[in-house]
C-alpha atoms as a PDB file:
ATOM      1  CA  MET A   1      31.128  -8.293 -11.040  1.00  0.00           C
ATOM      2  CA  ASN A   2      27.428  -8.872 -10.352  1.00  0.00           C
ATOM      3  CA  ILE A   3      28.057 -12.549  -9.605  1.00  0.00           C
ATOM      4  CA  LEU A   4      30.951 -11.777  -7.255  1.00  0.00           C
ATOM      5  CA  ARG A   5      28.913  -9.072  -5.558  1.00  0.00           C
ATOM      6  CA  SER A   6      25.977 -11.459  -5.201  1.00  0.00           C
ATOM      7  CA  ILE A   7      28.136 -14.135  -3.582  1.00  0.00           C
ATOM      8  CA  LEU A   8      29.411 -11.583  -1.062  1.00  0.00           C
ATOM      9  CA  VAL A   9      25.917 -10.245  -0.309  1.00  0.00           C
ATOM     10  CA  TRP A  10      24.363 -13.700   0.127  1.00  0.00           C
ATOM     11  CA  PHE A  11      27.272 -14.829   2.291  1.00  0.00           C
ATOM     12  CA  THR A  12      27.023 -11.728   4.500  1.00  0.00           C
ATOM     13  CA  GLY A  13      23.263 -12.008   4.921  1.00  0.00           C
ATOM     14  CA  ILE A  14      23.267 -15.746   5.633  1.00  0.00           C
ATOM     15  CA  MET A  15      26.158 -15.509   8.093  1.00  0.00           C
ATOM     16  CA  ILE A  16      24.423 -12.751  10.067  1.00  0.00           C
ATOM     17  CA  MET A  17      21.224 -14.800  10.196  1.00  0.00           C
ATOM     18  CA  VAL A  18      23.075 -17.926  11.344  1.00  0.00           C
ATOM     19  CA  LEU A  19      25.298 -16.177  13.900  1.00  0.00           C
ATOM     20  CA  PHE A  20      22.396 -14.154  15.277  1.00  0.00           C
ATOM     21  CA  PHE A  21      20.211 -17.231  15.718  1.00  0.00           C
ATOM     22  CA  PRO A  22      21.693 -18.591  19.002  1.00  0.00           C
ATOM     23  CA  VAL A  23      21.257 -15.160  20.613  1.00  0.00           C
ATOM     24  CA  VAL A  24      17.604 -14.956  19.567  1.00  0.00           C
ATOM     25  CA  PHE A  25      16.988 -18.568  20.590  1.00  0.00           C
ATOM     26  CA  VAL A  26      18.365 -18.069  24.102  1.00  0.00           C
ATOM     27  CA  ILE A  27      16.400 -14.842  24.602  1.00  0.00           C
ATOM     28  CA  TRP A  28      13.259 -16.531  23.225  1.00  0.00           C
ATOM     29  CA  LEU A  29      13.617 -19.312  25.791  1.00  0.00           C
ATOM     30  CA  LEU A  30      14.176 -16.841  28.640  1.00  0.00           C
ATOM     31  CA  VAL A  31      11.177 -14.632  27.829  1.00  0.00           C
ATOM     32  CA  LEU A  32       8.835 -17.420  26.682  1.00  0.00           C
ATOM     33  CA  PRO A  33       6.877 -17.613  29.982  1.00  0.00           C
ATOM     34  CA  PHE A  34       5.850 -13.945  30.011  1.00  0.00           C
ATOM     35  CA  ASP A  35       6.267 -12.603  26.447  1.00  0.00           C
ATOM     36  CA  ARG A  36       3.109 -14.229  25.120  1.00  0.00           C
ATOM     37  CA  ASN A  37       2.893 -11.946  22.088  1.00  0.00           C
ATOM     38  CA  ARG A  38       6.571 -12.547  21.153  1.00  0.00           C
ATOM     39  CA  THR A  39       7.188  -8.801  21.155  1.00  0.00           C
ATOM     40  CA  ILE A  40      10.808  -9.090  22.259  1.00  0.00           C
ATOM     41  CA  VAL A  41      11.696 -11.557  19.510  1.00  0.00           C
ATOM     42  CA  HIS A  42       9.990  -9.319  16.940  1.00  0.00           C
ATOM     43  CA  TRP A  43      12.189  -6.364  17.967  1.00  0.00           C
ATOM     44  CA  LEU A  44      15.294  -8.537  17.839  1.00  0.00           C
ATOM     45  CA  LEU A  45      14.411  -9.454  14.260  1.00  0.00           C
ATOM     46  CA  ILE A  46      13.828  -5.789  13.443  1.00  0.00           C
ATOM     47  CA  TYR A  47      17.330  -4.907  14.652  1.00  0.00           C
ATOM     48  CA  LYS A  48      18.801  -7.890  12.797  1.00  0.00           C
ATOM     49  CA  SER A  49      17.193  -6.575   9.616  1.00  0.00           C
ATOM     50  CA  LEU A  50      18.665  -3.131  10.236  1.00  0.00           C
ATOM     51  CA  VAL A  51      22.150  -4.610  10.652  1.00  0.00           C
ATOM     52  CA  ILE A  52      21.881  -6.629   7.434  1.00  0.00           C
ATOM     53  CA  THR A  53      20.373  -3.729   5.518  1.00  0.00           C
ATOM     54  CA  TYR A  54      23.065  -1.227   6.424  1.00  0.00           C
ATOM     55  CA  LEU A  55      25.959  -3.657   5.994  1.00  0.00           C
ATOM     56  CA  ILE A  56      25.114  -4.507   2.396  1.00  0.00           C
ATOM     57  CA  PRO A  57      26.554  -1.866   0.032  1.00  0.00           C
ATOM     58  CA  VAL A  58      24.287  -2.405  -2.997  1.00  0.00           C
ATOM     59  CA  TRP A  59      21.600   0.122  -2.224  1.00  0.00           C
ATOM     60  CA  LYS A  60      20.822   3.475  -0.688  1.00  0.00           C
ATOM     61  CA  ILE A  61      17.590   3.550   1.305  1.00  0.00           C
ATOM     62  CA  ARG A  62      15.322   6.530   1.757  1.00  0.00           C
ATOM     63  CA  ILE A  63      12.312   6.286   4.074  1.00  0.00           C
ATOM     64  CA  GLU A  64       9.528   8.860   3.921  1.00  0.00           C
ATOM     65  CA  GLY A  65       6.480   9.259   6.144  1.00  0.00           C
ATOM     66  CA  ARG A  66       7.426   6.809   8.888  1.00  0.00           C
ATOM     67  CA  GLU A  67       5.962   9.219  11.439  1.00  0.00           C
ATOM     68  CA  LYS A  68       2.484   8.880   9.883  1.00  0.00           C
ATOM     69  CA  ALA A  69       1.930   5.705  11.882  1.00  0.00           C
ATOM     70  CA  VAL A  70       0.757   6.973  15.253  1.00  0.00           C
ATOM     71  CA  ARG A  71       2.318   5.180  18.198  1.00  0.00           C
ATOM     72  CA  LYS A  72      -0.058   2.819  20.043  1.00  0.00           C
ATOM     73  CA  GLN A  73      -2.501   2.902  17.111  1.00  0.00           C
ATOM     74  CA  THR A  74      -3.191  -0.479  15.526  1.00  0.00           C
ATOM     75  CA  TYR A  75      -3.188  -0.795  11.725  1.00  0.00           C
ATOM     76  CA  VAL A  76      -3.670  -3.203   8.904  1.00  0.00           C
ATOM     77  CA  ILE A  77      -0.442  -2.399   7.052  1.00  0.00           C
ATOM     78  CA  ILE A  78      -0.340  -3.162   3.332  1.00  0.00           C
ATOM     79  CA  SER A  79       2.538  -2.891   0.876  1.00  0.00           C
ATOM     80  CA  ASN A  80       3.290  -3.623  -2.746  1.00  0.00           C
ATOM     81  CA  HIS A  81       5.598  -6.608  -3.293  1.00  0.00           C
ATOM     82  CA  GLN A  82       8.517  -6.372  -5.734  1.00  0.00           C
ATOM     83  CA  SER A  83      11.251  -8.645  -4.368  1.00  0.00           C
ATOM     84  CA  ILE A  84      12.165 -11.042  -1.577  1.00  0.00           C
ATOM     85  CA  LEU A  85      14.135  -8.084  -0.193  1.00  0.00           C
ATOM     86  CA  ASP A  86      10.892  -6.255   0.650  1.00  0.00           C
ATOM     87  CA  ILE A  87      10.476  -8.151   3.930  1.00  0.00           C
ATOM     88  CA  LEU A  88      13.950  -7.194   5.101  1.00  0.00           C
ATOM     89  CA  LEU A  89      13.507  -3.566   4.114  1.00  0.00           C
ATOM     90  CA  LEU A  90      10.000  -3.083   5.509  1.00  0.00           C
ATOM     91  CA  ASN A  91      11.363  -4.161   8.881  1.00  0.00           C
ATOM     92  CA  CYS A  92      13.414  -0.960   8.739  1.00  0.00           C
ATOM     93  CA  LEU A  93      10.212   0.985   9.422  1.00  0.00           C
ATOM     94  CA  ARG A  94      10.567  -0.279  12.997  1.00  0.00           C
ATOM     95  CA  TYR A  95       6.860  -0.784  13.584  1.00  0.00           C
ATOM     96  CA  ARG A  96       5.310  -3.328  15.913  1.00  0.00           C
ATOM     97  CA  PHE A  97       3.375  -5.869  13.837  1.00  0.00           C
ATOM     98  CA  LYS A  98       2.922  -9.518  12.927  1.00  0.00           C
ATOM     99  CA  TRP A  99       3.909 -10.605   9.450  1.00  0.00           C
ATOM    100  CA  ILE A 100       1.542 -12.798   7.491  1.00  0.00           C
ATOM    101  CA  SER A 101       3.841 -15.231   5.694  1.00  0.00           C
ATOM    102  CA  LYS A 102       3.239 -18.016   3.203  1.00  0.00           C
ATOM    103  CA  ILE A 103       3.647 -21.417   4.841  1.00  0.00           C
ATOM    104  CA  GLU A 104       6.531 -22.361   2.528  1.00  0.00           C
ATOM    105  CA  ASN A 105       8.787 -19.944   4.417  1.00  0.00           C
ATOM    106  CA  MET A 106       8.419 -22.084   7.528  1.00  0.00           C
ATOM    107  CA  LYS A 107      10.254 -24.904   5.759  1.00  0.00           C
ATOM    108  CA  VAL A 108      13.361 -22.777   5.132  1.00  0.00           C
ATOM    109  CA  PRO A 109      16.096 -23.542   7.704  1.00  0.00           C
ATOM    110  CA  VAL A 110      16.855 -20.686  10.125  1.00  0.00           C
ATOM    111  CA  LEU A 111      14.307 -18.376   8.464  1.00  0.00           C
ATOM    112  CA  GLY A 112      11.429 -20.652   9.428  1.00  0.00           C
ATOM    113  CA  TRP A 113      12.785 -20.949  12.977  1.00  0.00           C
ATOM    114  CA  TYR A 114      12.852 -17.163  13.284  1.00  0.00           C
ATOM    115  CA  LEU A 115       9.248 -16.930  12.062  1.00  0.00           C
ATOM    116  CA  ARG A 116       8.081 -19.492  14.615  1.00  0.00           C
ATOM    117  CA  MET A 117       9.896 -17.811  17.502  1.00  0.00           C
ATOM    118  CA  ALA A 118       8.349 -14.462  16.583  1.00  0.00           C
ATOM    119  CA  GLY A 119       4.881 -16.011  16.451  1.00  0.00           C
ATOM    120  CA  TYR A 120       4.219 -14.701  12.946  1.00  0.00           C
ATOM    121  CA  ILE A 121       1.076 -15.846  11.167  1.00  0.00           C
ATOM    122  CA  THR A 122       1.298 -18.295   8.272  1.00  0.00           C
ATOM    123  CA  VAL A 123      -1.099 -19.178   5.492  1.00  0.00           C
ATOM    124  CA  ASP A 124      -1.266 -21.948   2.927  1.00  0.00           C
ATOM    125  CA  ARG A 125      -2.609 -19.990  -0.010  1.00  0.00           C
ATOM    126  CA  GLY A 126      -4.166 -23.071  -1.613  1.00  0.00           C
ATOM    127  CA  ASN A 127      -5.980 -24.216   1.525  1.00  0.00           C
ATOM    128  CA  ARG A 128      -9.304 -22.649   2.493  1.00  0.00           C
ATOM    129  CA  GLU A 129      -9.123 -23.814   6.120  1.00  0.00           C
ATOM    130  CA  SER A 130      -5.632 -22.308   6.426  1.00  0.00           C
ATOM    131  CA  LYS A 131      -6.925 -18.984   5.130  1.00  0.00           C
ATOM    132  CA  GLU A 132      -9.778 -19.011   7.637  1.00  0.00           C
ATOM    133  CA  LYS A 133      -7.354 -19.769  10.468  1.00  0.00           C
ATOM    134  CA  MET A 134      -5.070 -16.962   9.292  1.00  0.00           C
ATOM    135  CA  MET A 135      -7.992 -14.530   9.405  1.00  0.00           C
ATOM    136  CA  GLU A 136      -8.931 -15.637  12.936  1.00  0.00           C
ATOM    137  CA  GLU A 137      -5.355 -15.295  14.205  1.00  0.00           C
ATOM    138  CA  SER A 138      -4.953 -11.913  12.515  1.00  0.00           C
ATOM    139  CA  LEU A 139      -8.165 -10.565  14.047  1.00  0.00           C
ATOM    140  CA  ALA A 140      -7.040 -11.815  17.466  1.00  0.00           C
ATOM    141  CA  CYS A 141      -3.747  -9.907  17.057  1.00  0.00           C
ATOM    142  CA  LEU A 142      -5.524  -6.740  15.983  1.00  0.00           C
ATOM    143  CA  LYS A 143      -7.805  -6.940  19.030  1.00  0.00           C
ATOM    144  CA  LYS A 144      -4.687  -7.161  21.225  1.00  0.00           C
ATOM    145  CA  GLY A 145      -3.377  -3.953  19.673  1.00  0.00           C
ATOM    146  CA  ILE A 146      -0.804  -5.633  17.407  1.00  0.00           C
ATOM    147  CA  SER A 147      -0.761  -4.441  13.792  1.00  0.00           C
ATOM    148  CA  ILE A 148      -0.735  -6.850  10.852  1.00  0.00           C
ATOM    149  CA  MET A 149       1.644  -6.544   7.890  1.00  0.00           C
ATOM    150  CA  ILE A 150       0.435  -8.113   4.663  1.00  0.00           C
ATOM    151  CA  PHE A 151       1.153  -8.033   0.922  1.00  0.00           C
ATOM    152  CA  PRO A 152      -2.329  -7.772  -0.662  1.00  0.00           C
ATOM    153  CA  GLU A 153      -0.917  -8.908  -4.028  1.00  0.00           C
ATOM    154  CA  GLY A 154      -0.134 -12.230  -2.368  1.00  0.00           C
ATOM    155  CA  THR A 155       3.074 -12.699  -4.342  1.00  0.00           C
ATOM    156  CA  ARG A 156       5.908 -10.737  -5.903  1.00  0.00           C
ATOM    157  CA  SER A 157       5.283  -8.761  -9.074  1.00  0.00           C
ATOM    158  CA  PHE A 158       6.600 -10.266 -12.317  1.00  0.00           C
ATOM    159  CA  ASP A 159       6.770  -7.007 -14.274  1.00  0.00           C
ATOM    160  CA  GLY A 160       7.253  -4.411 -11.537  1.00  0.00           C
ATOM    161  CA  GLU A 161       3.678  -3.129 -11.754  1.00  0.00           C
ATOM    162  CA  ILE A 162       1.294  -3.386  -8.825  1.00  0.00           C
ATOM    163  CA  GLY A 163      -0.888  -6.431  -9.309  1.00  0.00           C
ATOM    164  CA  PHE A 164      -4.414  -7.387  -8.281  1.00  0.00           C
ATOM    165  CA  PHE A 165      -5.142  -6.912  -4.566  1.00  0.00           C
ATOM    166  CA  ARG A 166      -6.682  -9.856  -2.758  1.00  0.00           C
ATOM    167  CA  ARG A 167      -9.465  -9.171  -0.305  1.00  0.00           C
ATOM    168  CA  GLY A 168      -7.970 -10.532   2.956  1.00  0.00           C
ATOM    169  CA  ALA A 169      -6.365  -7.339   4.275  1.00  0.00           C
ATOM    170  CA  PHE A 170      -9.521  -5.355   3.648  1.00  0.00           C
ATOM    171  CA  GLU A 171     -11.734  -7.971   5.264  1.00  0.00           C
ATOM    172  CA  LEU A 172      -9.580  -7.584   8.370  1.00  0.00           C
ATOM    173  CA  ALA A 173      -9.773  -3.788   8.326  1.00  0.00           C
ATOM    174  CA  ILE A 174     -13.561  -3.808   7.950  1.00  0.00           C
ATOM    175  CA  ALA A 175     -14.107  -6.550  10.547  1.00  0.00           C
ATOM    176  CA  ALA A 176     -11.801  -4.915  13.122  1.00  0.00           C
ATOM    177  CA  GLN A 177     -12.812  -1.348  12.193  1.00  0.00           C
ATOM    178  CA  LEU A 178      -9.188  -0.271  12.076  1.00  0.00           C
ATOM    179  CA  PRO A 179      -7.296   2.039   9.716  1.00  0.00           C
ATOM    180  CA  VAL A 180      -5.328   0.763   6.746  1.00  0.00           C
ATOM    181  CA  LEU A 181      -1.744   2.017   6.496  1.00  0.00           C
ATOM    182  CA  PRO A 182      -0.470   1.848   2.888  1.00  0.00           C
ATOM    183  CA  VAL A 183       3.285   1.550   2.263  1.00  0.00           C
ATOM    184  CA  LEU A 184       5.056   1.624  -1.103  1.00  0.00           C
ATOM    185  CA  LEU A 185       8.519   0.471  -2.165  1.00  0.00           C
ATOM    186  CA  THR A 186      10.482   1.162  -5.325  1.00  0.00           C
ATOM    187  CA  GLY A 187      13.891  -0.111  -6.392  1.00  0.00           C
ATOM    188  CA  THR A 188      13.906  -3.596  -4.901  1.00  0.00           C
ATOM    189  CA  ARG A 189      12.852  -5.401  -8.080  1.00  0.00           C
ATOM    190  CA  ASP A 190      15.732  -3.871 -10.018  1.00  0.00           C
ATOM    191  CA  ILE A 191      18.156  -5.218  -7.409  1.00  0.00           C
ATOM    192  CA  LEU A 192      16.732  -8.734  -7.056  1.00  0.00           C
ATOM    193  CA  PRO A 193      13.701  -9.648  -9.220  1.00  0.00           C
ATOM    194  CA  LYS A 194      11.360 -12.557  -8.618  1.00  0.00           C
ATOM    195  CA  HIS A 195      13.160 -15.923  -8.831  1.00  0.00           C
ATOM    196  CA  GLY A 196      16.474 -14.069  -9.229  1.00  0.00           C
ATOM    197  CA  LEU A 197      19.630 -14.839  -7.250  1.00  0.00           C
ATOM    198  CA  VAL A 198      22.071 -12.389  -8.837  1.00  0.00           C
ATOM    199  CA  PHE A 199      22.002  -8.863  -7.418  1.00  0.00           C
ATOM    200  CA  GLY A 200      21.891  -6.029  -9.917  1.00  0.00           C
ATOM    201  CA  ASP A 201      23.815  -2.779  -9.879  1.00  0.00           C
ATOM    202  CA  TYR A 202      23.702  -0.223  -7.076  1.00  0.00           C
ATOM    203  CA  ARG A 203      20.193   1.180  -6.726  1.00  0.00           C
ATOM    204  CA  ARG A 204      18.215   3.718  -4.754  1.00  0.00           C
ATOM    205  CA  ILE A 205      15.374   2.256  -2.714  1.00  0.00           C
ATOM    206  CA  MET A 206      12.503   4.390  -1.545  1.00  0.00           C
ATOM    207  CA  ILE A 207      10.000   3.369   1.110  1.00  0.00           C
ATOM    208  CA  ARG A 208       7.085   5.759   1.412  1.00  0.00           C
ATOM    209  CA  VAL A 209       4.395   5.520   4.101  1.00  0.00           C
ATOM    210  CA  LEU A 210       1.125   7.077   2.966  1.00  0.00           C
ATOM    211  CA  ASP A 211      -1.546   8.639   5.161  1.00  0.00           C
ATOM    212  CA  PRO A 212      -3.481   6.036   7.152  1.00  0.00           C
ATOM    213  CA  VAL A 213      -7.086   5.637   6.042  1.00  0.00           C
ATOM    214  CA  PRO A 214      -9.526   5.304   8.978  1.00  0.00           C
ATOM    215  CA  PRO A 215     -12.590   3.050   8.623  1.00  0.00           C
ATOM    216  CA  GLU A 216     -14.947   6.035   8.492  1.00  0.00           C
ATOM    217  CA  SER A 217     -13.200   7.071   5.257  1.00  0.00           C
ATOM    218  CA  PHE A 218     -13.452   3.676   3.542  1.00  0.00           C
ATOM    219  CA  GLY A 219     -16.664   4.705   1.790  1.00  0.00           C
ATOM    220  CA  THR A 220     -17.803   1.085   1.551  1.00  0.00           C
ATOM    221  CA  ASP A 221     -18.217  -2.110   3.533  1.00  0.00           C
ATOM    222  CA  ASP A 222     -17.487  -4.205   0.447  1.00  0.00           C
ATOM    223  CA  CYS A 223     -13.922  -5.535   0.813  1.00  0.00           C
ATOM    224  CA  ASP A 224     -13.581  -6.166  -2.948  1.00  0.00           C
ATOM    225  CA  GLU A 225     -14.527  -2.586  -3.740  1.00  0.00           C
ATOM    226  CA  LEU A 226     -12.186  -1.356  -1.029  1.00  0.00           C
ATOM    227  CA  SER A 227      -9.286  -3.391  -2.436  1.00  0.00           C
ATOM    228  CA  VAL A 228      -9.794  -1.750  -5.846  1.00  0.00           C
ATOM    229  CA  LYS A 229      -9.828   1.728  -4.274  1.00  0.00           C
ATOM    230  CA  PHE A 230      -6.566   1.120  -2.433  1.00  0.00           C
ATOM    231  CA  ARG A 231      -4.874  -0.457  -5.440  1.00  0.00           C
ATOM    232  CA  THR A 232      -5.860   2.510  -7.619  1.00  0.00           C
ATOM    233  CA  ARG A 233      -4.500   5.042  -5.133  1.00  0.00           C
ATOM    234  CA  MET A 234      -1.306   3.107  -4.464  1.00  0.00           C
ATOM    235  CA  THR A 235      -0.674   2.643  -8.188  1.00  0.00           C
ATOM    236  CA  GLU A 236      -0.929   6.405  -8.704  1.00  0.00           C
ATOM    237  CA  VAL A 237       1.621   7.084  -5.955  1.00  0.00           C
ATOM    238  CA  PHE A 238       3.861   4.241  -7.130  1.00  0.00           C
ATOM    239  CA  ASP A 239       3.984   5.757 -10.625  1.00  0.00           C
ATOM    240  CA  GLU A 240       4.933   9.125  -9.093  1.00  0.00           C
ATOM    241  CA  MET A 241       7.714   7.488  -7.088  1.00  0.00           C
ATOM    242  CA  THR A 242       9.148   5.648 -10.098  1.00  0.00           C
ATOM    243  CA  ARG A 243       9.206   8.901 -12.056  1.00  0.00           C
ATOM    244  CA  GLU A 244      11.065  10.559  -9.185  1.00  0.00           C
ATOM    245  CA  THR A 245      13.637   7.817  -8.684  1.00  0.00           C
ATOM    246  CA  GLY A 246      13.772   6.066 -12.061  1.00  0.00           C
ATOM    247  CA  GLU A 247      13.510   2.757 -10.141  1.00  0.00           C
ATOM    248  CA  LYS A 248      10.814   0.073  -9.936  1.00  0.00           C
END
């Protein structure tokens, strides 16, 4: 049953992405001269994610604290990373931001085209110059009032626990003097773990937005120390959420 369900889910998701692409492409061409920040394409991708998310009957999603992100306030948004599904589901928060994506995603047909049209930021994690360019582009976005969405773990968790936080997100927050908005997910790893293709049984997914932390509350200008503080707090809340839901 899991294999049959997985075939149906993958087919549904891929077909929506493929069929939606010509619409996005035409709109991208039409708005290209004046939508310099690719805002319109971003919102199209948000609504595409909502359609896919609510058409696939293998999960029930609960979102808490979405209202904690104040409209017109710019954030460095960070989230734990459990599954490839996290990107799709975090779009359901319906925030305005730029994703920071690993460069490998650009090579995936259709997906990579969407990322380029939306003007999302890419990084080659093994290339120092690419990381520096990513930081420059991210700071430029933040100065324009566009939030950044980043996974500070850098990759999906193998065991479901929150891993080591890299310093990039916290460098951005300190340099731009902007609040960090922590977001936590549970349940996605149990549906589709890292390197997995077969969807598991029906699960409950929870997305919880925590209180934003303004720069005056950081308590340090050391980005490594700040990353440890955020990881500690987010791990505590993540453990509470898994006890509540029974999902990781």
